[in-house]
């Protein structure tokens, strides 16, 4: 049985960057979710899913959900990537929203991504603008960290990706000494 595989779904590139870094750090194989075939993935002891967060959902998670009953003796973990700063409460909400039923015990990790409105699809850009307008009406001091980050990033090009976000996942895998 092969050691591990990283299955990822990246829309704007930040998740792919994390998948590439994980591949470099672990020596695991790496494949995009549309190209992932479960019969091939079954050959690995460890399966890492990396996916961006969009409207509270984790991209690519459907790949795990469809195959949850085949996880016997597999080490599974999920790395979700989002534009917000790390916040334990927000990550708990993502966990509750996405990792239900048999996925409840799957470890969830977080990496901060990037923000570039000019690269977003028309739909994504307009949904973000509507959310920005709604958040802008709130009292700034009462805003959650993700709301403040959303307002601060408006019109900016930001790349918050950093290998340090992978340290908890690599420690979970029993790999240490990885730095950028």
N, C-alpha and C. Protein backbone atom coordinates (compact mmCIF):
# COMPACT_ATOMS: atom_id res chain seq x y z
N UNK A 1 0.85 -1.18 0.00
CA UNK A 1 0.00 0.00 0.00
C UNK A 1 0.89 1.24 0.00
N UNK A 2 0.51 2.24 -0.81
CA UNK A 2 1.29 3.46 -0.91
C UNK A 2 1.05 4.34 0.31
N UNK A 3 2.01 5.22 0.57
CA UNK A 3 1.96 6.01 1.81
C UNK A 3 0.82 7.03 1.84
N UNK A 4 0.76 7.97 0.91
CA UNK A 4 -0.29 8.99 1.00
C UNK A 4 -0.54 9.71 -0.31
N UNK A 5 -1.72 10.32 -0.38
CA UNK A 5 -2.11 11.10 -1.54
C UNK A 5 -2.82 12.37 -1.08
N UNK A 6 -2.61 13.43 -1.81
CA UNK A 6 -3.28 14.70 -1.57
C UNK A 6 -4.26 14.89 -2.72
N UNK A 7 -5.53 15.01 -2.38
CA UNK A 7 -6.58 15.25 -3.36
C UNK A 7 -7.05 16.67 -3.10
N UNK A 8 -7.00 17.52 -4.13
CA UNK A 8 -7.32 18.92 -3.88
C UNK A 8 -8.25 19.49 -4.94
N UNK A 9 -8.95 20.55 -4.55
CA UNK A 9 -9.77 21.32 -5.47
C UNK A 9 -9.49 22.79 -5.22
N UNK A 10 -8.94 23.44 -6.23
CA UNK A 10 -8.54 24.84 -6.11
C UNK A 10 -9.21 25.65 -7.20
N UNK A 11 -9.82 26.74 -6.81
CA UNK A 11 -10.51 27.60 -7.77
C UNK A 11 -9.62 28.75 -8.24
N UNK A 12 -8.88 29.36 -7.30
CA UNK A 12 -8.08 30.53 -7.63
C UNK A 12 -6.59 30.36 -7.37
N UNK A 13 -6.17 29.19 -6.90
CA UNK A 13 -4.75 28.90 -6.79
C UNK A 13 -4.17 28.74 -5.40
N UNK A 14 -4.80 29.30 -4.38
CA UNK A 14 -4.24 29.20 -3.03
C UNK A 14 -4.24 27.76 -2.53
N UNK A 15 -5.31 27.04 -2.76
CA UNK A 15 -5.39 25.65 -2.31
C UNK A 15 -4.36 24.79 -3.05
N UNK A 16 -4.18 25.05 -4.33
CA UNK A 16 -3.16 24.31 -5.09
C UNK A 16 -1.78 24.58 -4.52
N UNK A 17 -1.53 25.82 -4.12
CA UNK A 17 -0.24 26.15 -3.51
C UNK A 17 -0.02 25.31 -2.25
N UNK A 18 -1.05 25.22 -1.40
CA UNK A 18 -0.93 24.40 -0.19
C UNK A 18 -0.74 22.92 -0.54
N UNK A 19 -1.47 22.44 -1.54
CA UNK A 19 -1.32 21.04 -1.96
C UNK A 19 0.10 20.77 -2.44
N UNK A 20 0.66 21.69 -3.20
CA UNK A 20 2.04 21.55 -3.68
C UNK A 20 3.03 21.55 -2.52
N UNK A 21 2.82 22.44 -1.55
CA UNK A 21 3.70 22.48 -0.37
C UNK A 21 3.61 21.18 0.42
N UNK A 22 2.38 20.66 0.57
CA UNK A 22 2.20 19.40 1.28
C UNK A 22 2.88 18.25 0.54
N UNK A 23 2.77 18.26 -0.77
CA UNK A 23 3.42 17.25 -1.59
C UNK A 23 4.94 17.29 -1.37
N UNK A 24 5.48 18.49 -1.38
CA UNK A 24 6.92 18.69 -1.14
C UNK A 24 7.33 18.21 0.25
N UNK A 25 6.51 18.51 1.25
CA UNK A 25 6.85 18.19 2.63
C UNK A 25 6.68 16.71 2.96
N UNK A 26 5.75 16.04 2.30
CA UNK A 26 5.41 14.67 2.66
C UNK A 26 5.90 13.63 1.65
N UNK A 27 6.11 14.06 0.42
CA UNK A 27 6.44 13.10 -0.64
C UNK A 27 5.21 12.38 -1.15
N UNK A 28 4.01 12.80 -0.70
CA UNK A 28 2.77 12.17 -1.14
C UNK A 28 2.50 12.52 -2.61
N UNK A 29 1.76 11.66 -3.28
CA UNK A 29 1.27 11.98 -4.62
C UNK A 29 0.20 13.04 -4.50
N UNK A 30 -0.13 13.68 -5.60
CA UNK A 30 -1.08 14.80 -5.57
C UNK A 30 -1.94 14.76 -6.83
N UNK A 31 -3.25 14.94 -6.67
CA UNK A 31 -4.16 14.92 -7.82
C UNK A 31 -5.34 15.85 -7.55
N UNK A 32 -5.84 16.50 -8.59
CA UNK A 32 -7.04 17.35 -8.48
C UNK A 32 -8.27 16.45 -8.36
N UNK A 33 -9.27 16.91 -7.64
CA UNK A 33 -10.46 16.08 -7.42
C UNK A 33 -11.12 15.61 -8.72
N UNK A 34 -11.22 16.44 -9.77
CA UNK A 34 -11.87 15.91 -10.98
C UNK A 34 -11.11 14.73 -11.61
N UNK A 35 -9.82 14.65 -11.34
CA UNK A 35 -9.01 13.57 -11.91
C UNK A 35 -8.82 12.41 -10.95
N UNK A 36 -9.30 12.55 -9.72
CA UNK A 36 -9.13 11.51 -8.71
C UNK A 36 -10.11 10.38 -8.94
N UNK A 37 -9.59 9.17 -8.93
CA UNK A 37 -10.40 7.96 -9.09
C UNK A 37 -10.29 7.19 -7.79
N UNK A 38 -11.44 6.92 -7.16
CA UNK A 38 -11.41 6.31 -5.84
C UNK A 38 -10.67 4.99 -5.82
N UNK A 39 -10.78 4.19 -6.87
CA UNK A 39 -10.07 2.90 -6.88
C UNK A 39 -8.56 3.11 -6.82
N UNK A 40 -8.07 4.21 -7.36
CA UNK A 40 -6.65 4.55 -7.25
C UNK A 40 -6.32 5.09 -5.86
N UNK A 41 -7.19 5.97 -5.35
CA UNK A 41 -6.98 6.57 -4.04
C UNK A 41 -6.96 5.48 -2.96
N UNK A 42 -7.70 4.41 -3.15
CA UNK A 42 -7.77 3.31 -2.18
C UNK A 42 -6.42 2.64 -1.96
N UNK A 43 -5.49 2.84 -2.85
CA UNK A 43 -4.16 2.23 -2.72
C UNK A 43 -3.29 2.92 -1.67
N UNK A 44 -3.76 4.05 -1.14
CA UNK A 44 -2.97 4.85 -0.21
C UNK A 44 -3.44 4.66 1.22
N UNK A 45 -2.50 4.73 2.16
CA UNK A 45 -2.83 4.63 3.58
C UNK A 45 -3.43 5.93 4.10
N UNK A 46 -2.92 7.07 3.59
CA UNK A 46 -3.36 8.39 4.05
C UNK A 46 -3.94 9.17 2.88
N UNK A 47 -5.09 9.78 3.12
CA UNK A 47 -5.74 10.62 2.12
C UNK A 47 -5.95 12.00 2.73
N UNK A 48 -5.35 13.01 2.12
CA UNK A 48 -5.54 14.39 2.55
C UNK A 48 -6.39 15.10 1.50
N UNK A 49 -7.48 15.70 1.92
CA UNK A 49 -8.29 16.50 1.01
C UNK A 49 -8.01 17.97 1.31
N UNK A 50 -7.69 18.71 0.28
CA UNK A 50 -7.48 20.16 0.40
C UNK A 50 -8.53 20.85 -0.46
N UNK A 51 -9.26 21.78 0.13
CA UNK A 51 -10.29 22.47 -0.63
C UNK A 51 -10.54 23.86 -0.09
N UNK A 52 -10.84 24.78 -0.99
CA UNK A 52 -11.18 26.13 -0.61
C UNK A 52 -12.55 26.18 0.04
N UNK A 53 -12.77 27.22 0.83
CA UNK A 53 -14.07 27.43 1.47
C UNK A 53 -14.84 28.44 0.63
N UNK A 54 -16.03 28.03 0.20
CA UNK A 54 -16.91 28.89 -0.58
C UNK A 54 -18.30 28.78 0.00
N UNK A 55 -18.83 29.90 0.47
CA UNK A 55 -20.17 29.94 1.08
C UNK A 55 -20.29 28.87 2.17
N UNK A 56 -19.28 28.76 3.01
CA UNK A 56 -19.20 27.84 4.15
C UNK A 56 -19.00 26.38 3.77
N UNK A 57 -18.95 26.06 2.49
CA UNK A 57 -18.71 24.69 2.06
C UNK A 57 -17.25 24.51 1.67
N UNK A 58 -16.75 23.28 1.81
CA UNK A 58 -15.37 22.97 1.45
C UNK A 58 -15.36 22.33 0.06
N UNK A 59 -14.70 22.97 -0.88
CA UNK A 59 -14.62 22.47 -2.25
C UNK A 59 -13.95 21.09 -2.25
N UNK A 60 -14.52 20.17 -2.99
CA UNK A 60 -13.96 18.83 -3.12
C UNK A 60 -14.42 17.86 -2.05
N UNK A 61 -15.11 18.34 -1.03
CA UNK A 61 -15.54 17.46 0.05
C UNK A 61 -16.50 16.38 -0.44
N UNK A 62 -17.20 16.65 -1.52
CA UNK A 62 -18.13 15.65 -2.06
C UNK A 62 -17.39 14.37 -2.45
N UNK A 63 -16.12 14.49 -2.82
CA UNK A 63 -15.31 13.31 -3.14
C UNK A 63 -15.23 12.38 -1.93
N UNK A 64 -15.01 12.96 -0.75
CA UNK A 64 -14.96 12.14 0.47
C UNK A 64 -16.35 11.63 0.85
N UNK A 65 -17.35 12.50 0.74
CA UNK A 65 -18.71 12.11 1.14
C UNK A 65 -19.21 10.93 0.33
N UNK A 66 -18.91 10.93 -0.98
CA UNK A 66 -19.37 9.84 -1.85
C UNK A 66 -18.71 8.51 -1.50
N UNK A 67 -17.54 8.57 -0.90
CA UNK A 67 -16.76 7.36 -0.65
C UNK A 67 -16.53 7.08 0.83
N UNK A 68 -17.31 7.72 1.70
CA UNK A 68 -17.09 7.62 3.14
C UNK A 68 -17.12 6.18 3.64
N UNK A 69 -17.93 5.35 3.04
CA UNK A 69 -18.04 3.96 3.49
C UNK A 69 -16.83 3.12 3.10
N UNK A 70 -15.90 3.67 2.33
CA UNK A 70 -14.70 2.94 1.90
C UNK A 70 -13.46 3.34 2.69
N UNK A 71 -13.63 4.11 3.77
CA UNK A 71 -12.50 4.64 4.52
C UNK A 71 -11.84 3.65 5.47
N UNK A 72 -12.30 2.44 5.52
CA UNK A 72 -11.75 1.47 6.48
C UNK A 72 -10.23 1.52 6.50
N UNK A 73 -9.69 1.70 7.69
CA UNK A 73 -8.24 1.69 7.91
C UNK A 73 -7.48 2.76 7.14
N UNK A 74 -8.15 3.84 6.77
CA UNK A 74 -7.49 4.96 6.09
C UNK A 74 -7.30 6.10 7.09
N UNK A 75 -6.19 6.78 6.96
CA UNK A 75 -5.94 7.98 7.73
C UNK A 75 -6.40 9.14 6.86
N UNK A 76 -7.47 9.82 7.27
CA UNK A 76 -8.08 10.89 6.47
C UNK A 76 -7.95 12.21 7.23
N UNK A 77 -7.65 13.27 6.51
CA UNK A 77 -7.65 14.62 7.09
C UNK A 77 -8.05 15.61 6.01
N UNK A 78 -8.57 16.75 6.45
CA UNK A 78 -9.01 17.80 5.52
C UNK A 78 -8.30 19.10 5.87
N UNK A 79 -7.78 19.76 4.84
CA UNK A 79 -7.24 21.12 4.97
C UNK A 79 -8.16 22.02 4.17
N UNK A 80 -8.82 22.95 4.86
CA UNK A 80 -9.65 23.91 4.15
C UNK A 80 -8.89 25.24 4.09
N UNK A 81 -9.12 25.97 3.00
CA UNK A 81 -8.39 27.20 2.74
C UNK A 81 -9.40 28.33 2.54
N UNK A 82 -9.21 29.42 3.30
CA UNK A 82 -10.13 30.54 3.20
C UNK A 82 -9.41 31.87 3.31
N UNK A 83 -10.11 32.92 2.97
CA UNK A 83 -9.52 34.26 2.98
C UNK A 83 -9.49 34.89 4.38
N UNK A 84 -10.25 34.35 5.29
CA UNK A 84 -10.33 34.93 6.64
C UNK A 84 -9.11 34.55 7.47
N UNK A 85 -8.79 35.38 8.46
CA UNK A 85 -7.74 34.99 9.40
C UNK A 85 -8.20 33.77 10.20
N UNK A 86 -7.25 33.00 10.71
CA UNK A 86 -7.60 31.83 11.50
C UNK A 86 -8.42 32.25 12.71
N UNK A 87 -9.52 31.55 12.94
CA UNK A 87 -10.38 31.79 14.08
C UNK A 87 -10.98 30.45 14.49
N UNK A 88 -10.67 29.99 15.69
CA UNK A 88 -11.12 28.68 16.15
C UNK A 88 -12.64 28.54 16.09
N UNK A 89 -13.35 29.58 16.48
CA UNK A 89 -14.81 29.54 16.45
C UNK A 89 -15.35 29.37 15.03
N UNK A 90 -14.77 30.10 14.10
CA UNK A 90 -15.20 29.99 12.70
C UNK A 90 -14.86 28.60 12.14
N UNK A 91 -13.70 28.08 12.52
CA UNK A 91 -13.31 26.74 12.06
C UNK A 91 -14.27 25.69 12.63
N UNK A 92 -14.69 25.86 13.87
CA UNK A 92 -15.67 24.95 14.46
C UNK A 92 -16.98 24.99 13.67
N UNK A 93 -17.40 26.18 13.24
CA UNK A 93 -18.62 26.29 12.44
C UNK A 93 -18.46 25.59 11.09
N UNK A 94 -17.29 25.73 10.48
CA UNK A 94 -17.02 25.04 9.21
C UNK A 94 -17.07 23.53 9.44
N UNK A 95 -16.49 23.07 10.55
CA UNK A 95 -16.49 21.65 10.88
C UNK A 95 -17.93 21.13 11.02
N UNK A 96 -18.74 21.82 11.81
CA UNK A 96 -20.12 21.39 12.03
C UNK A 96 -20.92 21.39 10.73
N UNK A 97 -20.70 22.39 9.91
CA UNK A 97 -21.44 22.53 8.64
C UNK A 97 -21.04 21.45 7.63
N UNK A 98 -19.78 21.04 7.62
CA UNK A 98 -19.27 20.17 6.56
C UNK A 98 -18.99 18.72 6.98
N UNK A 99 -18.51 18.53 8.18
CA UNK A 99 -18.09 17.18 8.59
C UNK A 99 -19.16 16.55 9.46
N UNK A 100 -20.14 15.98 8.80
CA UNK A 100 -21.30 15.39 9.47
C UNK A 100 -21.24 13.87 9.35
N UNK A 101 -22.03 13.21 10.17
CA UNK A 101 -22.15 11.76 10.09
C UNK A 101 -20.81 11.08 10.24
N UNK A 102 -20.48 10.21 9.28
CA UNK A 102 -19.25 9.44 9.34
C UNK A 102 -18.00 10.30 9.18
N UNK A 103 -18.17 11.53 8.70
CA UNK A 103 -17.03 12.43 8.54
C UNK A 103 -16.74 13.23 9.81
N UNK A 104 -17.60 13.13 10.83
CA UNK A 104 -17.48 13.93 12.03
C UNK A 104 -16.11 13.82 12.70
N UNK A 105 -15.51 12.64 12.66
CA UNK A 105 -14.23 12.41 13.34
C UNK A 105 -13.01 12.79 12.48
N UNK A 106 -13.23 13.21 11.25
CA UNK A 106 -12.11 13.55 10.36
C UNK A 106 -11.46 14.84 10.86
N UNK A 107 -10.15 14.82 11.09
CA UNK A 107 -9.45 16.04 11.53
C UNK A 107 -9.52 17.14 10.47
N UNK A 108 -9.75 18.37 10.92
CA UNK A 108 -9.87 19.52 10.03
C UNK A 108 -8.80 20.54 10.37
N UNK A 109 -8.11 21.01 9.34
CA UNK A 109 -7.05 22.00 9.49
C UNK A 109 -7.36 23.18 8.59
N UNK A 110 -6.69 24.31 8.85
CA UNK A 110 -7.00 25.54 8.12
C UNK A 110 -5.73 26.23 7.63
N UNK A 111 -5.80 26.73 6.41
CA UNK A 111 -4.74 27.58 5.87
C UNK A 111 -5.37 28.83 5.29
N UNK A 112 -4.79 29.96 5.59
CA UNK A 112 -5.32 31.21 5.05
C UNK A 112 -4.90 31.34 3.59
N UNK A 113 -5.81 31.76 2.76
CA UNK A 113 -5.60 31.79 1.33
C UNK A 113 -5.23 33.15 0.77
N UNK A 114 -5.94 33.55 -0.26
CA UNK A 114 -5.63 34.78 -0.98
C UNK A 114 -6.94 35.48 -1.35
N UNK A 115 -6.79 36.71 -1.83
CA UNK A 115 -7.94 37.52 -2.22
C UNK A 115 -7.55 38.38 -3.41
N UNK A 116 -8.26 38.21 -4.49
CA UNK A 116 -8.02 39.03 -5.68
C UNK A 116 -9.31 39.10 -6.46
N UNK A 117 -10.04 40.17 -6.26
CA UNK A 117 -11.36 40.30 -6.88
C UNK A 117 -11.27 40.26 -8.40
N UNK A 118 -10.18 40.73 -8.98
CA UNK A 118 -10.07 40.74 -10.44
C UNK A 118 -9.96 39.33 -11.03
N UNK A 119 -9.57 38.35 -10.23
CA UNK A 119 -9.48 36.97 -10.70
C UNK A 119 -10.75 36.18 -10.42
N UNK A 120 -11.66 36.76 -9.64
CA UNK A 120 -12.89 36.04 -9.29
C UNK A 120 -13.84 35.98 -10.48
N UNK A 121 -14.67 34.95 -10.47
CA UNK A 121 -15.73 34.89 -11.48
C UNK A 121 -16.70 36.03 -11.21
N UNK A 122 -17.48 36.36 -12.18
CA UNK A 122 -18.47 37.43 -12.03
C UNK A 122 -19.39 37.13 -10.85
N UNK A 123 -19.84 35.88 -10.76
CA UNK A 123 -20.76 35.49 -9.68
C UNK A 123 -20.07 35.65 -8.32
N UNK A 124 -18.86 35.10 -8.18
CA UNK A 124 -18.15 35.19 -6.90
C UNK A 124 -17.89 36.64 -6.50
N UNK A 125 -17.45 37.43 -7.46
CA UNK A 125 -17.16 38.85 -7.18
C UNK A 125 -18.41 39.58 -6.70
N UNK A 126 -19.53 39.34 -7.34
CA UNK A 126 -20.77 40.02 -6.95
C UNK A 126 -21.32 39.51 -5.63
N UNK A 127 -21.18 38.22 -5.35
CA UNK A 127 -21.59 37.71 -4.04
C UNK A 127 -20.74 38.32 -2.93
N UNK A 128 -19.44 38.45 -3.19
CA UNK A 128 -18.56 39.07 -2.19
C UNK A 128 -18.91 40.54 -1.99
N UNK A 129 -19.22 41.23 -3.05
CA UNK A 129 -19.59 42.65 -2.93
C UNK A 129 -20.88 42.82 -2.14
N UNK A 130 -21.85 41.93 -2.37
CA UNK A 130 -23.10 42.01 -1.59
C UNK A 130 -22.82 41.76 -0.12
N UNK A 131 -21.97 40.78 0.17
CA UNK A 131 -21.62 40.49 1.56
C UNK A 131 -20.86 41.66 2.18
N UNK A 132 -19.95 42.26 1.42
CA UNK A 132 -19.20 43.42 1.91
C UNK A 132 -20.14 44.57 2.26
N UNK A 133 -21.12 44.83 1.40
CA UNK A 133 -22.08 45.91 1.67
C UNK A 133 -22.89 45.62 2.94
N UNK A 134 -23.28 44.37 3.11
CA UNK A 134 -24.06 44.01 4.30
C UNK A 134 -23.22 44.16 5.57
N UNK A 135 -21.98 43.71 5.51
CA UNK A 135 -21.09 43.80 6.67
C UNK A 135 -20.74 45.26 6.96
N UNK A 136 -20.59 46.07 5.94
CA UNK A 136 -20.21 47.48 6.12
C UNK A 136 -21.26 48.26 6.90
N UNK A 137 -22.49 47.76 6.94
CA UNK A 137 -23.56 48.43 7.68
C UNK A 137 -23.47 48.17 9.18
N UNK A 138 -22.68 47.19 9.58
CA UNK A 138 -22.55 46.83 10.99
C UNK A 138 -21.56 47.76 11.70
N UNK A 139 -21.67 47.80 13.00
CA UNK A 139 -20.69 48.51 13.81
C UNK A 139 -19.38 47.73 13.73
N UNK A 140 -18.31 48.37 13.28
CA UNK A 140 -17.05 47.68 13.04
C UNK A 140 -16.53 46.97 14.29
N UNK A 141 -16.68 47.58 15.44
CA UNK A 141 -16.16 46.99 16.69
C UNK A 141 -16.88 45.71 17.07
N UNK A 142 -18.11 45.53 16.59
CA UNK A 142 -18.86 44.31 16.91
C UNK A 142 -18.71 43.24 15.83
N UNK A 143 -17.94 43.52 14.79
CA UNK A 143 -17.75 42.56 13.70
C UNK A 143 -16.84 41.40 14.14
N UNK A 144 -17.13 40.23 13.60
CA UNK A 144 -16.28 39.07 13.80
C UNK A 144 -14.99 39.24 12.99
N UNK A 145 -13.93 38.50 13.32
CA UNK A 145 -12.66 38.65 12.60
C UNK A 145 -12.78 38.50 11.09
N UNK A 146 -13.61 37.55 10.62
CA UNK A 146 -13.75 37.36 9.19
C UNK A 146 -14.41 38.58 8.53
N UNK A 147 -15.32 39.23 9.25
CA UNK A 147 -15.99 40.41 8.72
C UNK A 147 -15.00 41.57 8.56
N UNK A 148 -14.17 41.76 9.58
CA UNK A 148 -13.15 42.82 9.53
C UNK A 148 -12.17 42.56 8.39
N UNK A 149 -11.79 41.30 8.23
CA UNK A 149 -10.86 40.95 7.14
C UNK A 149 -11.50 41.18 5.78
N UNK A 150 -12.78 40.87 5.67
CA UNK A 150 -13.49 41.09 4.41
C UNK A 150 -13.52 42.56 4.05
N UNK A 151 -13.82 43.41 5.03
CA UNK A 151 -13.85 44.85 4.78
C UNK A 151 -12.46 45.39 4.45
N UNK A 152 -11.45 44.89 5.14
CA UNK A 152 -10.09 45.38 4.92
C UNK A 152 -9.53 44.96 3.56
N UNK A 153 -10.03 43.86 3.01
CA UNK A 153 -9.48 43.36 1.74
C UNK A 153 -10.19 43.92 0.52
N UNK A 154 -11.26 44.64 0.70
CA UNK A 154 -12.01 45.18 -0.42
C UNK A 154 -11.11 45.99 -1.34
N UNK A 155 -11.10 45.59 -2.62
CA UNK A 155 -10.31 46.28 -3.62
C UNK A 155 -8.82 45.99 -3.57
N UNK A 156 -8.40 45.14 -2.64
CA UNK A 156 -6.98 44.81 -2.47
C UNK A 156 -6.64 43.48 -3.15
N UNK A 157 -5.38 43.30 -3.44
CA UNK A 157 -4.86 42.00 -3.86
C UNK A 157 -4.02 41.51 -2.69
N UNK A 158 -4.43 40.40 -2.09
CA UNK A 158 -3.77 39.89 -0.89
C UNK A 158 -3.44 38.42 -1.06
N UNK A 159 -2.26 38.04 -0.61
CA UNK A 159 -1.88 36.63 -0.58
C UNK A 159 -1.36 36.33 0.82
N UNK A 160 -2.19 35.63 1.60
CA UNK A 160 -1.84 35.30 2.97
C UNK A 160 -1.32 33.88 3.10
N UNK A 161 -1.16 33.18 1.98
CA UNK A 161 -0.70 31.80 2.07
C UNK A 161 0.65 31.76 2.76
N UNK A 162 0.84 30.78 3.61
CA UNK A 162 2.09 30.67 4.37
C UNK A 162 2.24 29.22 4.81
N UNK A 163 3.43 28.68 4.65
CA UNK A 163 3.70 27.30 5.02
C UNK A 163 3.44 27.04 6.51
N UNK A 164 3.47 28.08 7.32
CA UNK A 164 3.25 27.89 8.77
C UNK A 164 1.88 27.28 9.06
N UNK A 165 0.91 27.53 8.18
CA UNK A 165 -0.43 26.97 8.39
C UNK A 165 -0.43 25.46 8.25
N UNK A 166 0.59 24.89 7.63
CA UNK A 166 0.66 23.44 7.45
C UNK A 166 1.26 22.72 8.65
N UNK A 167 1.87 23.45 9.55
CA UNK A 167 2.56 22.82 10.68
C UNK A 167 1.63 21.92 11.50
N UNK A 168 0.42 22.35 11.89
CA UNK A 168 -0.45 21.44 12.67
C UNK A 168 -0.80 20.15 11.90
N UNK A 169 -1.03 20.27 10.60
CA UNK A 169 -1.35 19.09 9.79
C UNK A 169 -0.14 18.17 9.70
N UNK A 170 1.03 18.73 9.48
CA UNK A 170 2.24 17.91 9.40
C UNK A 170 2.56 17.25 10.73
N UNK A 171 2.31 17.95 11.82
CA UNK A 171 2.49 17.34 13.15
C UNK A 171 1.51 16.19 13.34
N UNK A 172 0.28 16.38 12.89
CA UNK A 172 -0.72 15.31 12.96
C UNK A 172 -0.24 14.08 12.18
N UNK A 173 0.42 14.31 11.06
CA UNK A 173 0.93 13.22 10.24
C UNK A 173 2.22 12.62 10.79
N UNK A 174 2.74 13.26 11.86
CA UNK A 174 3.97 12.76 12.46
C UNK A 174 5.22 13.24 11.74
N UNK A 175 5.08 14.33 11.02
CA UNK A 175 6.21 14.89 10.27
C UNK A 175 6.55 16.23 10.89
N UNK A 176 7.79 16.41 11.23
CA UNK A 176 8.23 17.67 11.82
C UNK A 176 9.43 18.19 11.05
N UNK A 177 9.85 19.38 11.38
CA UNK A 177 11.03 19.95 10.75
C UNK A 177 10.73 20.64 9.44
N UNK A 178 9.46 20.73 9.05
CA UNK A 178 9.10 21.40 7.81
C UNK A 178 8.98 22.88 8.07
N UNK A 179 9.72 23.66 7.38
CA UNK A 179 9.59 25.10 7.47
C UNK A 179 9.71 25.65 6.07
N UNK A 180 9.39 26.90 5.91
CA UNK A 180 9.37 27.49 4.58
C UNK A 180 10.70 27.90 4.12
